Amino acid sequence: MDRVDTDFKQKVYALVSQIPSGRVMTYGQLAALAGNPYAARIVGGIAHWGDPLLPWQRVIKKDGSLAEGYPGGTEGHKAALMAEGVKVDEDFKVDIEKLLWQPPL
C-alpha cells in the first residue's frame, strides 16, 4: 500500500474511532471526509479487513442499510448496533436522518 493509501486508511481509522455509541456514519461520508468522495467501496474494504478493535458496527450504507460483509452478516451487524441501543427495523435499516453523526470540524 503506498503512502496515499496509508494516509487515507489512517484518516478513516481516525474518523471511525470518533463515532459515538448509538450514532452512525456512512461509507461514503467517511470516504469524503478522508479525502476521496468516490472511495466508499474502499472504505468498505478497510472496514472488512481493518483494525477489529474499531467500532465498525457504526458504519452503514447511505440508505441506512446494514452491511452484508459485517461478521455474522446483517444479523450480526444488527445485533452489534442493537447492543448499543440503536433501533434496526425488520428490513435491516436504521433511521439515518436521526442517527447520522457528523464530526466537529
C-alpha atoms as a PDB file:
ATOM      1  CA  MET A   1       0.000   0.000   0.000  1.00  0.00           C
ATOM      2  CA  ASP A   2       1.513   3.344  -0.982  1.00  0.00           C
ATOM      3  CA  ARG A   3       1.670   6.472   1.181  1.00  0.00           C
ATOM      4  CA  VAL A   4      -1.572   7.962  -0.161  1.00  0.00           C
ATOM      5  CA  ASP A   5      -3.446   4.746   0.613  1.00  0.00           C
ATOM      6  CA  THR A   6      -1.899   4.576   4.072  1.00  0.00           C
ATOM      7  CA  ASP A   7      -2.843   8.201   4.770  1.00  0.00           C
ATOM      8  CA  PHE A   8      -6.406   7.571   3.575  1.00  0.00           C
ATOM      9  CA  LYS A   9      -6.683   4.453   5.735  1.00  0.00           C
ATOM     10  CA  GLN A  10      -5.391   6.298   8.794  1.00  0.00           C
ATOM     11  CA  LYS A  11      -7.915   9.103   8.230  1.00  0.00           C
ATOM     12  CA  VAL A  12     -10.730   6.533   8.006  1.00  0.00           C
ATOM     13  CA  TYR A  13      -9.499   4.870  11.208  1.00  0.00           C
ATOM     14  CA  ALA A  14      -9.379   8.229  12.999  1.00  0.00           C
ATOM     15  CA  LEU A  15     -12.933   9.077  11.918  1.00  0.00           C
ATOM     16  CA  VAL A  16     -14.399   5.675  12.808  1.00  0.00           C
ATOM     17  CA  SER A  17     -12.777   5.796  16.225  1.00  0.00           C
ATOM     18  CA  GLN A  18     -14.681   9.022  16.954  1.00  0.00           C
ATOM     19  CA  ILE A  19     -18.204   7.809  16.102  1.00  0.00           C
ATOM     20  CA  PRO A  20     -20.140   7.904  19.371  1.00  0.00           C
ATOM     21  CA  SER A  21     -22.047   4.882  20.597  1.00  0.00           C
ATOM     22  CA  GLY A  22     -25.615   4.952  19.291  1.00  0.00           C
ATOM     23  CA  ARG A  23     -24.711   7.010  16.207  1.00  0.00           C
ATOM     24  CA  VAL A  24     -23.660   6.044  12.664  1.00  0.00           C
ATOM     25  CA  MET A  25     -21.703   7.264   9.652  1.00  0.00           C
ATOM     26  CA  THR A  26     -21.902   6.055   6.055  1.00  0.00           C
ATOM     27  CA  TYR A  27     -19.139   4.546   3.946  1.00  0.00           C
ATOM     28  CA  GLY A  28     -19.442   7.458   1.514  1.00  0.00           C
ATOM     29  CA  GLN A  29     -19.401  10.044   4.279  1.00  0.00           C
ATOM     30  CA  LEU A  30     -16.210   8.532   5.665  1.00  0.00           C
ATOM     31  CA  ALA A  31     -14.650   8.441   2.201  1.00  0.00           C
ATOM     32  CA  ALA A  32     -15.443  12.105   1.577  1.00  0.00           C
ATOM     33  CA  LEU A  33     -14.182  13.229   4.979  1.00  0.00           C
ATOM     34  CA  ALA A  34     -10.996  11.194   4.492  1.00  0.00           C
ATOM     35  CA  GLY A  35     -10.338  12.988   1.210  1.00  0.00           C
ATOM     36  CA  ASN A  36     -11.854  10.858  -1.568  1.00  0.00           C
ATOM     37  CA  PRO A  37     -15.645  11.159  -2.001  1.00  0.00           C
ATOM     38  CA  TYR A  38     -15.632   8.366  -4.607  1.00  0.00           C
ATOM     39  CA  ALA A  39     -13.989   5.772  -2.362  1.00  0.00           C
ATOM     40  CA  ALA A  40     -16.949   4.349  -0.413  1.00  0.00           C
ATOM     41  CA  ARG A  41     -16.097   0.822  -1.567  1.00  0.00           C
ATOM     42  CA  ILE A  42     -12.507   1.302  -0.467  1.00  0.00           C
ATOM     43  CA  VAL A  43     -13.801   2.299   2.966  1.00  0.00           C
ATOM     44  CA  GLY A  44     -15.833  -0.916   2.920  1.00  0.00           C
ATOM     45  CA  GLY A  45     -12.644  -2.879   2.252  1.00  0.00           C
ATOM     46  CA  ILE A  46     -10.852  -1.054   5.043  1.00  0.00           C
ATOM     47  CA  ALA A  47     -13.744  -1.907   7.356  1.00  0.00           C
ATOM     48  CA  HIS A  48     -13.747  -5.556   6.315  1.00  0.00           C
ATOM     49  CA  TRP A  49     -10.003  -6.078   6.648  1.00  0.00           C
ATOM     50  CA  GLY A  50      -9.146  -3.293   9.101  1.00  0.00           C
ATOM     51  CA  ASP A  51      -8.499  -2.981  12.788  1.00  0.00           C
ATOM     52  CA  PRO A  52     -11.141  -5.154  14.507  1.00  0.00           C
ATOM     53  CA  LEU A  53     -10.955  -3.033  17.650  1.00  0.00           C
ATOM     54  CA  LEU A  54     -12.629  -0.071  15.936  1.00  0.00           C
ATOM     55  CA  PRO A  55     -16.435   0.338  16.105  1.00  0.00           C
ATOM     56  CA  TRP A  56     -17.155  -0.746  12.512  1.00  0.00           C
ATOM     57  CA  GLN A  57     -20.741  -1.617  13.522  1.00  0.00           C
ATOM     58  CA  ARG A  58     -21.385   2.148  13.420  1.00  0.00           C
ATOM     59  CA  VAL A  59     -20.654   2.301   9.674  1.00  0.00           C
ATOM     60  CA  ILE A  60     -23.633   1.709   7.380  1.00  0.00           C
ATOM     61  CA  LYS A  61     -24.763   2.213   3.795  1.00  0.00           C
ATOM     62  CA  LYS A  62     -26.035   5.593   2.586  1.00  0.00           C
ATOM     63  CA  ASP A  63     -29.672   4.472   2.683  1.00  0.00           C
ATOM     64  CA  GLY A  64     -29.393   3.273   6.282  1.00  0.00           C
ATOM     65  CA  SER A  65     -28.942  -0.395   5.349  1.00  0.00           C
ATOM     66  CA  LEU A  66     -26.621  -2.678   7.241  1.00  0.00           C
ATOM     67  CA  ALA A  67     -23.592  -4.359   5.670  1.00  0.00           C
ATOM     68  CA  GLU A  68     -23.779  -7.944   4.450  1.00  0.00           C
ATOM     69  CA  GLY A  69     -19.982  -8.203   4.852  1.00  0.00           C
ATOM     70  CA  TYR A  70     -20.090  -7.464   8.573  1.00  0.00           C
ATOM     71  CA  PRO A  71     -19.085 -10.516  10.689  1.00  0.00           C
ATOM     72  CA  GLY A  72     -22.276 -12.522  11.005  1.00  0.00           C
ATOM     73  CA  GLY A  73     -23.826 -10.683   8.037  1.00  0.00           C
ATOM     74  CA  THR A  74     -26.708  -8.277   8.502  1.00  0.00           C
ATOM     75  CA  GLU A  75     -27.895 -10.251  11.553  1.00  0.00           C
ATOM     76  CA  GLY A  76     -24.501  -9.752  13.204  1.00  0.00           C
ATOM     77  CA  HIS A  77     -24.482  -6.076  12.269  1.00  0.00           C
ATOM     78  CA  LYS A  78     -27.990  -5.672  13.671  1.00  0.00           C
ATOM     79  CA  ALA A  79     -27.063  -7.385  16.940  1.00  0.00           C
ATOM     80  CA  ALA A  80     -23.992  -5.164  17.389  1.00  0.00           C
ATOM     81  CA  LEU A  81     -25.980  -1.983  16.806  1.00  0.00           C
ATOM     82  CA  MET A  82     -28.890  -3.068  18.965  1.00  0.00           C
ATOM     83  CA  ALA A  83     -26.422  -3.792  21.793  1.00  0.00           C
ATOM     84  CA  GLU A  84     -25.681  -0.042  21.669  1.00  0.00           C
ATOM     85  CA  GLY A  85     -29.360   0.846  21.756  1.00  0.00           C
ATOM     86  CA  VAL A  86     -29.745   1.528  18.026  1.00  0.00           C
ATOM     87  CA  LYS A  87     -33.142   0.520  16.657  1.00  0.00           C
ATOM     88  CA  VAL A  88     -32.864  -1.573  13.492  1.00  0.00           C
ATOM     89  CA  ASP A  89     -36.048  -2.290  11.548  1.00  0.00           C
ATOM     90  CA  GLU A  90     -37.148  -5.592  10.002  1.00  0.00           C
ATOM     91  CA  ASP A  91     -35.525  -4.562   6.698  1.00  0.00           C
ATOM     92  CA  PHE A  92     -32.152  -4.216   8.448  1.00  0.00           C
ATOM     93  CA  LYS A  93     -32.156  -0.418   8.236  1.00  0.00           C
ATOM     94  CA  VAL A  94     -31.605   2.337  10.780  1.00  0.00           C
ATOM     95  CA  ASP A  95     -33.130   5.809  10.874  1.00  0.00           C
ATOM     96  CA  ILE A  96     -30.216   7.522   9.177  1.00  0.00           C
ATOM     97  CA  GLU A  97     -31.746  11.004   9.454  1.00  0.00           C
ATOM     98  CA  LYS A  98     -31.912  10.639  13.226  1.00  0.00           C
ATOM     99  CA  LEU A  99     -28.647   8.791  13.839  1.00  0.00           C
ATOM    100  CA  LEU A 100     -26.168  10.175  11.287  1.00  0.00           C
ATOM    101  CA  TRP A 101     -23.171  11.667  13.049  1.00  0.00           C
ATOM    102  CA  GLN A 102     -21.043  14.464  11.682  1.00  0.00           C
ATOM    103  CA  PRO A 103     -17.663  15.007  13.334  1.00  0.00           C
ATOM    104  CA  PRO A 104     -16.872  18.511  14.518  1.00  0.00           C
ATOM    105  CA  LEU A 105     -14.753  20.455  12.061  1.00  0.00           C
END
